[in-house]
């Protein structure tokens, strides 16, 4: 594989994240409130972790995947509303729908930022859109077939939401991003989103359990979701590196890069993911057992974008 542009250390910046909290610590329930956040990308570099193009693009894949993925979450959850018989769960699902809709629009703004810097994300995003809209979309089924397809997609959403909650907790804890001089606006977007993922981490699981809950379907869906997300993430990093005009060539990522940036705390390490992701397969698993709601709420109280949205 081609060598990557050498990385250089960025200037230190004061941490903006609360101190890490114990896993599973925090209040069990919060009111899920969409926050009408806005972000200005005019001062943000293409490589918003200074001197770290690979680490930047590993995280940038989220911006390519999430807008279409979260719009799909919303569509699936709206289909499920008639099946909900618990009023508290209905309120949580509506709050989830509001938050996910806002996430999709916030990340879509980063795509325009990439395009303005000469990195057109359209080819990759178009493939992601096909997957969510066509492959996983409404197939015009009726009766039992329609219900079974809905349950399968709810199981997929629950599995993916476990992954996003793991990533959300990681970015709240990732103090090395501050010390590397990560662009503060991008870091706020990631932590605001990560905090809300931790905040609503139980909703998709609770909805699936409420309307179906079969363990076999949960496991199969999680296996499919994990394989698909890993494939899409690797393809996304390759796409971004190969089309990044600042690198001046068709750069290729290397396995040593993910090991290096993981050890440096700039990307989730493979070891961290290997420890955190399989917990979902435990028969007695519940999302409240992992992640810190109080840490998420504490960040949302200091997030510049979230605070601005209150005024």
C-alpha atoms as a PDB file:
ATOM      1  CA  UNK A   1       0.000   0.000   0.000  1.00  0.00           C
ATOM      2  CA  UNK A   2       1.114   3.558  -0.637  1.00  0.00           C
ATOM      3  CA  UNK A   3       2.650   5.426   2.313  1.00  0.00           C
ATOM      4  CA  UNK A   4       0.520   8.073   3.990  1.00  0.00           C
ATOM      5  CA  UNK A   5       1.471  11.698   4.348  1.00  0.00           C
ATOM      6  CA  UNK A   6       3.511  11.957   7.590  1.00  0.00           C
ATOM      7  CA  UNK A   7       1.443  13.049  10.572  1.00  0.00           C
ATOM      8  CA  UNK A   8       2.488  15.894  12.801  1.00  0.00           C
ATOM      9  CA  UNK A   9       1.321  16.792  16.262  1.00  0.00           C
ATOM     10  CA  UNK A  10      -1.288  19.520  16.613  1.00  0.00           C
ATOM     11  CA  UNK A  11      -1.289  22.311  19.138  1.00  0.00           C
ATOM     12  CA  UNK A  12      -2.691  21.454  22.534  1.00  0.00           C
ATOM     13  CA  UNK A  13      -6.202  22.589  23.393  1.00  0.00           C
ATOM     14  CA  UNK A  14      -8.024  22.610  26.709  1.00  0.00           C
ATOM     15  CA  UNK A  15     -10.322  19.602  27.177  1.00  0.00           C
ATOM     16  CA  UNK A  16     -14.015  20.269  26.603  1.00  0.00           C
ATOM     17  CA  UNK A  17     -15.332  16.866  27.669  1.00  0.00           C
ATOM     18  CA  UNK A  18     -16.347  15.984  31.222  1.00  0.00           C
ATOM     19  CA  UNK A  19     -14.121  13.476  32.992  1.00  0.00           C
ATOM     20  CA  UNK A  20     -14.906   9.823  32.127  1.00  0.00           C
ATOM     21  CA  UNK A  21     -17.612   8.219  34.242  1.00  0.00           C
ATOM     22  CA  UNK A  22     -18.089   4.582  35.189  1.00  0.00           C
ATOM     23  CA  UNK A  23     -19.885   2.330  32.717  1.00  0.00           C
ATOM     24  CA  UNK A  24     -23.620   2.171  33.269  1.00  0.00           C
ATOM     25  CA  UNK A  25     -23.588   5.124  35.703  1.00  0.00           C
ATOM     26  CA  UNK A  26     -26.245   7.812  35.612  1.00  0.00           C
ATOM     27  CA  UNK A  27     -29.990   8.365  35.838  1.00  0.00           C
ATOM     28  CA  UNK A  28     -32.062   5.662  34.152  1.00  0.00           C
ATOM     29  CA  UNK A  29     -34.477   8.020  32.392  1.00  0.00           C
ATOM     30  CA  UNK A  30     -34.251  11.452  30.809  1.00  0.00           C
ATOM     31  CA  UNK A  31     -36.655  13.403  28.651  1.00  0.00           C
ATOM     32  CA  UNK A  32     -35.385  13.072  25.082  1.00  0.00           C
ATOM     33  CA  UNK A  33     -35.472  16.595  23.711  1.00  0.00           C
ATOM     34  CA  UNK A  34     -34.354  17.466  20.162  1.00  0.00           C
ATOM     35  CA  UNK A  35     -31.894  20.369  20.214  1.00  0.00           C
ATOM     36  CA  UNK A  36     -31.981  22.698  17.217  1.00  0.00           C
ATOM     37  CA  UNK A  37     -28.211  22.989  16.883  1.00  0.00           C
ATOM     38  CA  UNK A  38     -26.281  24.924  14.240  1.00  0.00           C
ATOM     39  CA  UNK A  39     -22.616  24.632  13.245  1.00  0.00           C
ATOM     40  CA  UNK A  40     -20.414  27.041  11.277  1.00  0.00           C
ATOM     41  CA  UNK A  41     -17.737  25.195   9.273  1.00  0.00           C
ATOM     42  CA  UNK A  42     -16.134  28.265   7.666  1.00  0.00           C
ATOM     43  CA  UNK A  43     -13.030  28.090   9.900  1.00  0.00           C
ATOM     44  CA  UNK A  44     -12.691  24.282   9.901  1.00  0.00           C
ATOM     45  CA  UNK A  45      -9.856  22.651   7.944  1.00  0.00           C
ATOM     46  CA  UNK A  46     -10.363  19.558   5.800  1.00  0.00           C
ATOM     47  CA  UNK A  47      -8.069  17.699   8.209  1.00  0.00           C
ATOM     48  CA  UNK A  48      -9.699  18.883  11.408  1.00  0.00           C
ATOM     49  CA  UNK A  49      -7.361  16.791  13.566  1.00  0.00           C
ATOM     50  CA  UNK A  50      -4.180  18.727  12.707  1.00  0.00           C
ATOM     51  CA  UNK A  51      -1.621  16.643  10.842  1.00  0.00           C
ATOM     52  CA  UNK A  52      -3.793  13.514  11.092  1.00  0.00           C
ATOM     53  CA  UNK A  53      -5.526  12.886   7.742  1.00  0.00           C
ATOM     54  CA  UNK A  54      -6.101   9.203   8.438  1.00  0.00           C
ATOM     55  CA  UNK A  55      -7.644   9.711  11.886  1.00  0.00           C
ATOM     56  CA  UNK A  56      -9.748  12.562  10.504  1.00  0.00           C
ATOM     57  CA  UNK A  57     -11.162  10.378   7.747  1.00  0.00           C
ATOM     58  CA  UNK A  58     -11.829   7.402  10.023  1.00  0.00           C
ATOM     59  CA  UNK A  59     -14.236   9.637  11.928  1.00  0.00           C
ATOM     60  CA  UNK A  60     -15.393  11.438   8.763  1.00  0.00           C
ATOM     61  CA  UNK A  61     -17.039   8.201   7.615  1.00  0.00           C
ATOM     62  CA  UNK A  62     -19.734   8.971  10.193  1.00  0.00           C
ATOM     63  CA  UNK A  63     -20.715  12.042   8.183  1.00  0.00           C
ATOM     64  CA  UNK A  64     -21.142   9.876   5.078  1.00  0.00           C
ATOM     65  CA  UNK A  65     -23.172   7.148   6.763  1.00  0.00           C
ATOM     66  CA  UNK A  66     -25.297   8.918   9.341  1.00  0.00           C
ATOM     67  CA  UNK A  67     -27.555  11.303   7.383  1.00  0.00           C
ATOM     68  CA  UNK A  68     -29.092   8.514   5.290  1.00  0.00           C
ATOM     69  CA  UNK A  69     -28.944   5.986   8.114  1.00  0.00           C
ATOM     70  CA  UNK A  70     -30.698   8.211  10.619  1.00  0.00           C
ATOM     71  CA  UNK A  71     -33.386   9.213   8.161  1.00  0.00           C
ATOM     72  CA  UNK A  72     -33.992   5.490   7.713  1.00  0.00           C
ATOM     73  CA  UNK A  73     -34.187   5.022  11.507  1.00  0.00           C
ATOM     74  CA  UNK A  74     -36.863   7.708  11.613  1.00  0.00           C
ATOM     75  CA  UNK A  75     -38.886   6.120   8.804  1.00  0.00           C
ATOM     76  CA  UNK A  76     -38.765   2.676  10.439  1.00  0.00           C
ATOM     77  CA  UNK A  77     -39.743   4.027  13.860  1.00  0.00           C
ATOM     78  CA  UNK A  78     -42.682   5.919  12.382  1.00  0.00           C
ATOM     79  CA  UNK A  79     -43.893   2.627  10.903  1.00  0.00           C
ATOM     80  CA  UNK A  80     -43.645   1.062  14.352  1.00  0.00           C
ATOM     81  CA  UNK A  81     -45.693   3.691  16.209  1.00  0.00           C
ATOM     82  CA  UNK A  82     -49.037   1.813  15.833  1.00  0.00           C
ATOM     83  CA  UNK A  83     -47.501  -1.224  17.561  1.00  0.00           C
ATOM     84  CA  UNK A  84     -46.561   0.658  20.761  1.00  0.00           C
ATOM     85  CA  UNK A  85     -48.857  -0.008  23.716  1.00  0.00           C
ATOM     86  CA  UNK A  86     -46.842   1.753  26.428  1.00  0.00           C
ATOM     87  CA  UNK A  87     -47.190   5.539  26.711  1.00  0.00           C
ATOM     88  CA  UNK A  88     -43.744   6.151  28.220  1.00  0.00           C
ATOM     89  CA  UNK A  89     -42.113   4.158  25.426  1.00  0.00           C
ATOM     90  CA  UNK A  90     -44.131   6.106  22.850  1.00  0.00           C
ATOM     91  CA  UNK A  91     -42.824   9.376  24.311  1.00  0.00           C
ATOM     92  CA  UNK A  92     -39.263   8.047  24.166  1.00  0.00           C
ATOM     93  CA  UNK A  93     -39.696   6.908  20.568  1.00  0.00           C
ATOM     94  CA  UNK A  94     -41.018  10.329  19.555  1.00  0.00           C
ATOM     95  CA  UNK A  95     -38.068  11.969  21.317  1.00  0.00           C
ATOM     96  CA  UNK A  96     -35.708   9.565  19.543  1.00  0.00           C
ATOM     97  CA  UNK A  97     -37.274  10.450  16.177  1.00  0.00           C
ATOM     98  CA  UNK A  98     -36.772  14.154  16.876  1.00  0.00           C
ATOM     99  CA  UNK A  99     -33.143  13.744  17.925  1.00  0.00           C
ATOM    100  CA  UNK A 100     -32.242  11.469  15.000  1.00  0.00           C
ATOM    101  CA  UNK A 101     -33.803  13.866  12.494  1.00  0.00           C
ATOM    102  CA  UNK A 102     -31.628  16.658  13.875  1.00  0.00           C
ATOM    103  CA  UNK A 103     -28.510  14.461  13.757  1.00  0.00           C
ATOM    104  CA  UNK A 104     -29.082  13.712  10.078  1.00  0.00           C
ATOM    105  CA  UNK A 105     -29.253  17.393   9.167  1.00  0.00           C
ATOM    106  CA  UNK A 106     -26.228  18.346  11.298  1.00  0.00           C
ATOM    107  CA  UNK A 107     -23.994  15.759   9.646  1.00  0.00           C
ATOM    108  CA  UNK A 108     -25.312  16.594   6.182  1.00  0.00           C
ATOM    109  CA  UNK A 109     -23.800  20.057   6.651  1.00  0.00           C
ATOM    110  CA  UNK A 110     -20.330  18.499   6.925  1.00  0.00           C
ATOM    111  CA  UNK A 111     -20.773  16.979   3.451  1.00  0.00           C
ATOM    112  CA  UNK A 112     -21.067  20.496   2.026  1.00  0.00           C
ATOM    113  CA  UNK A 113     -17.920  21.424   3.971  1.00  0.00           C
ATOM    114  CA  UNK A 114     -16.014  18.514   2.382  1.00  0.00           C
ATOM    115  CA  UNK A 115     -17.230  19.457  -1.085  1.00  0.00           C
ATOM    116  CA  UNK A 116     -16.107  23.054  -0.555  1.00  0.00           C
ATOM    117  CA  UNK A 117     -12.599  21.730   0.147  1.00  0.00           C
ATOM    118  CA  UNK A 118     -12.525  19.695  -3.079  1.00  0.00           C
ATOM    119  CA  UNK A 119     -13.572  16.333  -1.660  1.00  0.00           C
ATOM    120  CA  UNK A 120     -16.882  15.408  -3.285  1.00  0.00           C
ATOM    121  CA  UNK A 121     -18.606  12.755  -1.109  1.00  0.00           C
ATOM    122  CA  UNK A 122     -21.466  12.171  -3.569  1.00  0.00           C
ATOM    123  CA  UNK A 123     -20.348   8.842  -5.120  1.00  0.00           C
ATOM    124  CA  UNK A 124     -20.057   7.095  -1.768  1.00  0.00           C
ATOM    125  CA  UNK A 125     -23.126   8.747  -0.235  1.00  0.00           C
ATOM    126  CA  UNK A 126     -25.205   7.693  -3.245  1.00  0.00           C
ATOM    127  CA  UNK A 127     -24.350   4.055  -2.556  1.00  0.00           C
ATOM    128  CA  UNK A 128     -25.261   4.457   1.119  1.00  0.00           C
ATOM    129  CA  UNK A 129     -28.550   6.068   0.093  1.00  0.00           C
ATOM    130  CA  UNK A 130     -29.359   3.113  -2.173  1.00  0.00           C
ATOM    131  CA  UNK A 131     -28.734   0.688   0.681  1.00  0.00           C
ATOM    132  CA  UNK A 132     -31.027   2.440   3.155  1.00  0.00           C
ATOM    133  CA  UNK A 133     -33.731   3.639   0.750  1.00  0.00           C
ATOM    134  CA  UNK A 134     -33.953   0.629  -1.580  1.00  0.00           C
ATOM    135  CA  UNK A 135     -32.381  -2.434   0.007  1.00  0.00           C
ATOM    136  CA  UNK A 136     -33.706  -1.676   3.514  1.00  0.00           C
ATOM    137  CA  UNK A 137     -36.671   0.496   2.601  1.00  0.00           C
ATOM    138  CA  UNK A 138     -40.405  -0.078   2.490  1.00  0.00           C
ATOM    139  CA  UNK A 139     -40.987  -2.919   0.017  1.00  0.00           C
ATOM    140  CA  UNK A 140     -44.706  -2.374  -0.408  1.00  0.00           C
ATOM    141  CA  UNK A 141     -45.510  -5.549   1.502  1.00  0.00           C
ATOM    142  CA  UNK A 142     -48.801  -6.207   3.259  1.00  0.00           C
ATOM    143  CA  UNK A 143     -50.078  -8.326   6.106  1.00  0.00           C
ATOM    144  CA  UNK A 144     -47.735 -10.721   7.905  1.00  0.00           C
ATOM    145  CA  UNK A 145     -44.916 -10.155   5.417  1.00  0.00           C
ATOM    146  CA  UNK A 146     -44.952  -6.404   6.104  1.00  0.00           C
ATOM    147  CA  UNK A 147     -44.946  -6.968   9.855  1.00  0.00           C
ATOM    148  CA  UNK A 148     -42.065  -9.455   9.688  1.00  0.00           C
ATOM    149  CA  UNK A 149     -40.019  -7.038   7.557  1.00  0.00           C
ATOM    150  CA  UNK A 150     -40.696  -4.251  10.051  1.00  0.00           C
ATOM    151  CA  UNK A 151     -39.565  -6.422  12.993  1.00  0.00           C
ATOM    152  CA  UNK A 152     -36.382  -7.367  11.142  1.00  0.00           C
ATOM    153  CA  UNK A 153     -35.571  -3.696  10.516  1.00  0.00           C
ATOM    154  CA  UNK A 154     -36.320  -2.758  14.135  1.00  0.00           C
ATOM    155  CA  UNK A 155     -33.837  -5.446  15.205  1.00  0.00           C
ATOM    156  CA  UNK A 156     -31.271  -3.927  12.830  1.00  0.00           C
ATOM    157  CA  UNK A 157     -31.822  -0.438  14.248  1.00  0.00           C
ATOM    158  CA  UNK A 158     -31.444  -1.746  17.806  1.00  0.00           C
ATOM    159  CA  UNK A 159     -28.119  -3.360  16.906  1.00  0.00           C
ATOM    160  CA  UNK A 160     -26.789  -0.293  15.109  1.00  0.00           C
ATOM    161  CA  UNK A 161     -27.857   1.903  18.014  1.00  0.00           C
ATOM    162  CA  UNK A 162     -25.683  -0.185  20.334  1.00  0.00           C
ATOM    163  CA  UNK A 163     -22.723   0.583  18.063  1.00  0.00           C
ATOM    164  CA  UNK A 164     -23.485   4.302  17.974  1.00  0.00           C
ATOM    165  CA  UNK A 165     -23.856   4.375  21.761  1.00  0.00           C
ATOM    166  CA  UNK A 166     -20.433   2.726  22.124  1.00  0.00           C
ATOM    167  CA  UNK A 167     -18.955   5.327  19.769  1.00  0.00           C
ATOM    168  CA  UNK A 168     -20.796   8.106  21.578  1.00  0.00           C
ATOM    169  CA  UNK A 169     -19.317   7.097  24.921  1.00  0.00           C
ATOM    170  CA  UNK A 170     -15.885   6.804  23.323  1.00  0.00           C
ATOM    171  CA  UNK A 171     -15.923  10.356  21.963  1.00  0.00           C
ATOM    172  CA  UNK A 172     -17.093  11.731  25.322  1.00  0.00           C
ATOM    173  CA  UNK A 173     -14.098  10.041  26.941  1.00  0.00           C
ATOM    174  CA  UNK A 174     -11.565  10.815  24.176  1.00  0.00           C
ATOM    175  CA  UNK A 175      -9.419  13.472  25.822  1.00  0.00           C
ATOM    176  CA  UNK A 176      -6.621  12.850  23.325  1.00  0.00           C
ATOM    177  CA  UNK A 177      -8.727  14.568  20.675  1.00  0.00           C
ATOM    178  CA  UNK A 178      -8.564  17.761  22.753  1.00  0.00           C
ATOM    179  CA  UNK A 179      -4.827  17.436  23.286  1.00  0.00           C
ATOM    180  CA  UNK A 180      -4.279  16.893  19.536  1.00  0.00           C
ATOM    181  CA  UNK A 181      -5.833  20.301  18.796  1.00  0.00           C
ATOM    182  CA  UNK A 182      -8.998  18.961  17.147  1.00  0.00           C
ATOM    183  CA  UNK A 183     -11.164  21.675  15.609  1.00  0.00           C
ATOM    184  CA  UNK A 184     -13.518  22.738  18.426  1.00  0.00           C
ATOM    185  CA  UNK A 185     -16.613  23.017  16.224  1.00  0.00           C
ATOM    186  CA  UNK A 186     -16.182  19.488  14.876  1.00  0.00           C
ATOM    187  CA  UNK A 187     -15.437  18.162  18.333  1.00  0.00           C
ATOM    188  CA  UNK A 188     -18.615  19.783  19.641  1.00  0.00           C
ATOM    189  CA  UNK A 189     -20.663  18.206  16.829  1.00  0.00           C
ATOM    190  CA  UNK A 190     -19.230  14.781  17.617  1.00  0.00           C
ATOM    191  CA  UNK A 191     -19.708  15.095  21.363  1.00  0.00           C
ATOM    192  CA  UNK A 192     -23.179  16.640  21.124  1.00  0.00           C
ATOM    193  CA  UNK A 193     -24.221  13.768  18.875  1.00  0.00           C
ATOM    194  CA  UNK A 194     -22.383  11.204  20.984  1.00  0.00           C
ATOM    195  CA  UNK A 195     -24.029  12.495  24.152  1.00  0.00           C
ATOM    196  CA  UNK A 196     -27.494  12.187  22.623  1.00  0.00           C
ATOM    197  CA  UNK A 197     -26.676   8.656  21.431  1.00  0.00           C
ATOM    198  CA  UNK A 198     -25.789   7.743  25.011  1.00  0.00           C
ATOM    199  CA  UNK A 199     -28.844   9.613  26.274  1.00  0.00           C
ATOM    200  CA  UNK A 200     -31.257   7.593  24.105  1.00  0.00           C
ATOM    201  CA  UNK A 201     -29.237   4.362  23.932  1.00  0.00           C
ATOM    202  CA  UNK A 202     -32.043   2.192  25.330  1.00  0.00           C
ATOM    203  CA  UNK A 203     -34.909   3.340  23.118  1.00  0.00           C
ATOM    204  CA  UNK A 204     -34.352   1.188  20.023  1.00  0.00           C
ATOM    205  CA  UNK A 205     -33.662  -1.877  22.170  1.00  0.00           C
ATOM    206  CA  UNK A 206     -36.745  -1.261  24.297  1.00  0.00           C
ATOM    207  CA  UNK A 207     -38.906  -0.762  21.215  1.00  0.00           C
ATOM    208  CA  UNK A 208     -37.694  -3.993  19.631  1.00  0.00           C
ATOM    209  CA  UNK A 209     -38.234  -5.854  22.910  1.00  0.00           C
ATOM    210  CA  UNK A 210     -41.733  -4.382  23.212  1.00  0.00           C
ATOM    211  CA  UNK A 211     -42.957  -5.339  19.727  1.00  0.00           C
ATOM    212  CA  UNK A 212     -41.022  -8.578  19.108  1.00  0.00           C
ATOM    213  CA  UNK A 213     -37.985  -9.272  21.279  1.00  0.00           C
ATOM    214  CA  UNK A 214     -36.924 -12.624  19.829  1.00  0.00           C
ATOM    215  CA  UNK A 215     -33.325 -13.278  20.819  1.00  0.00           C
ATOM    216  CA  UNK A 216     -32.573 -15.238  17.636  1.00  0.00           C
ATOM    217  CA  UNK A 217     -33.690 -12.342  15.446  1.00  0.00           C
ATOM    218  CA  UNK A 218     -31.723  -9.899  17.600  1.00  0.00           C
ATOM    219  CA  UNK A 219     -28.510 -11.933  17.186  1.00  0.00           C
ATOM    220  CA  UNK A 220     -28.894 -12.442  13.433  1.00  0.00           C
ATOM    221  CA  UNK A 221     -29.663  -8.748  12.903  1.00  0.00           C
ATOM    222  CA  UNK A 222     -26.686  -7.696  15.011  1.00  0.00           C
ATOM    223  CA  UNK A 223     -24.351  -9.973  13.073  1.00  0.00           C
ATOM    224  CA  UNK A 224     -25.594  -8.541   9.791  1.00  0.00           C
ATOM    225  CA  UNK A 225     -25.371  -4.969  11.070  1.00  0.00           C
ATOM    226  CA  UNK A 226     -21.841  -5.447  12.417  1.00  0.00           C
ATOM    227  CA  UNK A 227     -20.586  -6.971   9.163  1.00  0.00           C
ATOM    228  CA  UNK A 228     -22.248  -4.264   7.064  1.00  0.00           C
ATOM    229  CA  UNK A 229     -20.951  -1.420   9.218  1.00  0.00           C
ATOM    230  CA  UNK A 230     -17.387  -2.786   9.197  1.00  0.00           C
ATOM    231  CA  UNK A 231     -17.476  -3.155   5.412  1.00  0.00           C
ATOM    232  CA  UNK A 232     -18.933   0.300   4.859  1.00  0.00           C
ATOM    233  CA  UNK A 233     -16.457   1.892   7.271  1.00  0.00           C
ATOM    234  CA  UNK A 234     -13.420   0.388   5.557  1.00  0.00           C
ATOM    235  CA  UNK A 235     -14.776   1.373   2.133  1.00  0.00           C
ATOM    236  CA  UNK A 236     -15.521   4.859   3.403  1.00  0.00           C
ATOM    237  CA  UNK A 237     -12.001   5.431   4.718  1.00  0.00           C
ATOM    238  CA  UNK A 238     -10.543   4.164   1.443  1.00  0.00           C
ATOM    239  CA  UNK A 239     -12.834   6.471  -0.525  1.00  0.00           C
ATOM    240  CA  UNK A 240     -11.964   9.543   1.538  1.00  0.00           C
ATOM    241  CA  UNK A 241      -8.212   8.913   1.471  1.00  0.00           C
ATOM    242  CA  UNK A 242      -8.198   8.220  -2.273  1.00  0.00           C
ATOM    243  CA  UNK A 243     -10.187  11.369  -3.090  1.00  0.00           C
ATOM    244  CA  UNK A 244      -8.626  13.794  -0.598  1.00  0.00           C
ATOM    245  CA  UNK A 245      -7.086  16.574  -2.750  1.00  0.00           C
ATOM    246  CA  UNK A 246      -4.848  17.711   0.105  1.00  0.00           C
ATOM    247  CA  UNK A 247      -2.912  14.444   0.015  1.00  0.00           C
ATOM    248  CA  UNK A 248      -1.922  15.049  -3.597  1.00  0.00           C
ATOM    249  CA  UNK A 249      -2.169  11.406  -4.650  1.00  0.00           C
ATOM    250  CA  UNK A 250      -4.405   8.385  -4.399  1.00  0.00           C
ATOM    251  CA  UNK A 251      -3.480   7.623  -0.816  1.00  0.00           C
ATOM    252  CA  UNK A 252      -4.426   4.300   0.733  1.00  0.00           C
ATOM    253  CA  UNK A 253      -5.088   3.521   4.413  1.00  0.00           C
ATOM    254  CA  UNK A 254      -3.054   0.816   6.117  1.00  0.00           C
ATOM    255  CA  UNK A 255      -3.872  -1.477   9.010  1.00  0.00           C
ATOM    256  CA  UNK A 256      -0.902  -0.039  10.882  1.00  0.00           C
ATOM    257  CA  UNK A 257      -2.641   3.365  10.730  1.00  0.00           C
ATOM    258  CA  UNK A 258      -5.729   2.186  12.611  1.00  0.00           C
ATOM    259  CA  UNK A 259      -3.496   0.490  15.184  1.00  0.00           C
ATOM    260  CA  UNK A 260      -1.378   3.642  15.559  1.00  0.00           C
ATOM    261  CA  UNK A 261      -4.277   6.088  15.854  1.00  0.00           C
ATOM    262  CA  UNK A 262      -6.136   3.720  18.165  1.00  0.00           C
ATOM    263  CA  UNK A 263      -3.156   3.531  20.518  1.00  0.00           C
ATOM    264  CA  UNK A 264      -2.900   7.335  20.378  1.00  0.00           C
ATOM    265  CA  UNK A 265      -6.565   7.690  21.388  1.00  0.00           C
ATOM    266  CA  UNK A 266      -7.508   9.550  18.189  1.00  0.00           C
ATOM    267  CA  UNK A 267      -9.795   6.799  16.865  1.00  0.00           C
ATOM    268  CA  UNK A 268     -11.590   3.962  18.649  1.00  0.00           C
ATOM    269  CA  UNK A 269      -9.049   1.161  19.026  1.00  0.00           C
ATOM    270  CA  UNK A 270      -9.805  -2.328  17.734  1.00  0.00           C
ATOM    271  CA  UNK A 271      -9.333  -3.618  21.274  1.00  0.00           C
ATOM    272  CA  UNK A 272     -11.877  -1.169  22.645  1.00  0.00           C
ATOM    273  CA  UNK A 273     -14.432  -2.176  20.016  1.00  0.00           C
ATOM    274  CA  UNK A 274     -13.730  -5.880  20.582  1.00  0.00           C
ATOM    275  CA  UNK A 275     -14.469  -5.450  24.290  1.00  0.00           C
ATOM    276  CA  UNK A 276     -17.515  -3.181  23.924  1.00  0.00           C
ATOM    277  CA  UNK A 277     -19.464  -4.493  20.956  1.00  0.00           C
ATOM    278  CA  UNK A 278     -19.998  -8.205  21.854  1.00  0.00           C
ATOM    279  CA  UNK A 279     -21.828  -7.317  25.077  1.00  0.00           C
ATOM    280  CA  UNK A 280     -24.971  -6.885  22.992  1.00  0.00           C
ATOM    281  CA  UNK A 281     -25.061 -10.660  22.452  1.00  0.00           C
ATOM    282  CA  UNK A 282     -25.549 -11.482  26.125  1.00  0.00           C
ATOM    283  CA  UNK A 283     -29.096 -12.853  26.615  1.00  0.00           C
ATOM    284  CA  UNK A 284     -29.622 -10.552  29.620  1.00  0.00           C
ATOM    285  CA  UNK A 285     -28.119  -7.473  27.981  1.00  0.00           C
ATOM    286  CA  UNK A 286     -29.765  -4.064  28.319  1.00  0.00           C
ATOM    287  CA  UNK A 287     -28.215  -0.799  27.042  1.00  0.00           C
ATOM    288  CA  UNK A 288     -28.598   0.845  30.458  1.00  0.00           C
ATOM    289  CA  UNK A 289     -25.820  -1.464  31.687  1.00  0.00           C
ATOM    290  CA  UNK A 290     -23.255   0.393  29.557  1.00  0.00           C
ATOM    291  CA  UNK A 291     -22.480   4.070  29.028  1.00  0.00           C
ATOM    292  CA  UNK A 292     -23.022   7.014  31.358  1.00  0.00           C
ATOM    293  CA  UNK A 293     -26.224   9.012  31.092  1.00  0.00           C
ATOM    294  CA  UNK A 294     -25.035  11.562  33.641  1.00  0.00           C
ATOM    295  CA  UNK A 295     -21.842  12.169  31.660  1.00  0.00           C
ATOM    296  CA  UNK A 296     -23.884  12.659  28.494  1.00  0.00           C
ATOM    297  CA  UNK A 297     -26.230  15.102  30.224  1.00  0.00           C
ATOM    298  CA  UNK A 298     -23.251  16.943  31.715  1.00  0.00           C
ATOM    299  CA  UNK A 299     -21.718  17.451  28.273  1.00  0.00           C
ATOM    300  CA  UNK A 300     -25.006  18.641  26.789  1.00  0.00           C
ATOM    301  CA  UNK A 301     -25.110  21.273  29.537  1.00  0.00           C
ATOM    302  CA  UNK A 302     -21.772  22.753  28.359  1.00  0.00           C
ATOM    303  CA  UNK A 303     -21.915  22.052  24.608  1.00  0.00           C
ATOM    304  CA  UNK A 304     -21.664  25.389  22.756  1.00  0.00           C
ATOM    305  CA  UNK A 305     -24.125  24.275  20.087  1.00  0.00           C
ATOM    306  CA  UNK A 306     -26.614  22.816  22.553  1.00  0.00           C
ATOM    307  CA  UNK A 307     -26.440  25.916  24.763  1.00  0.00           C
ATOM    308  CA  UNK A 308     -26.950  28.207  21.747  1.00  0.00           C
ATOM    309  CA  UNK A 309     -29.997  26.151  20.731  1.00  0.00           C
ATOM    310  CA  UNK A 310     -31.678  27.092  24.024  1.00  0.00           C
ATOM    311  CA  UNK A 311     -31.737  30.791  23.091  1.00  0.00           C
END
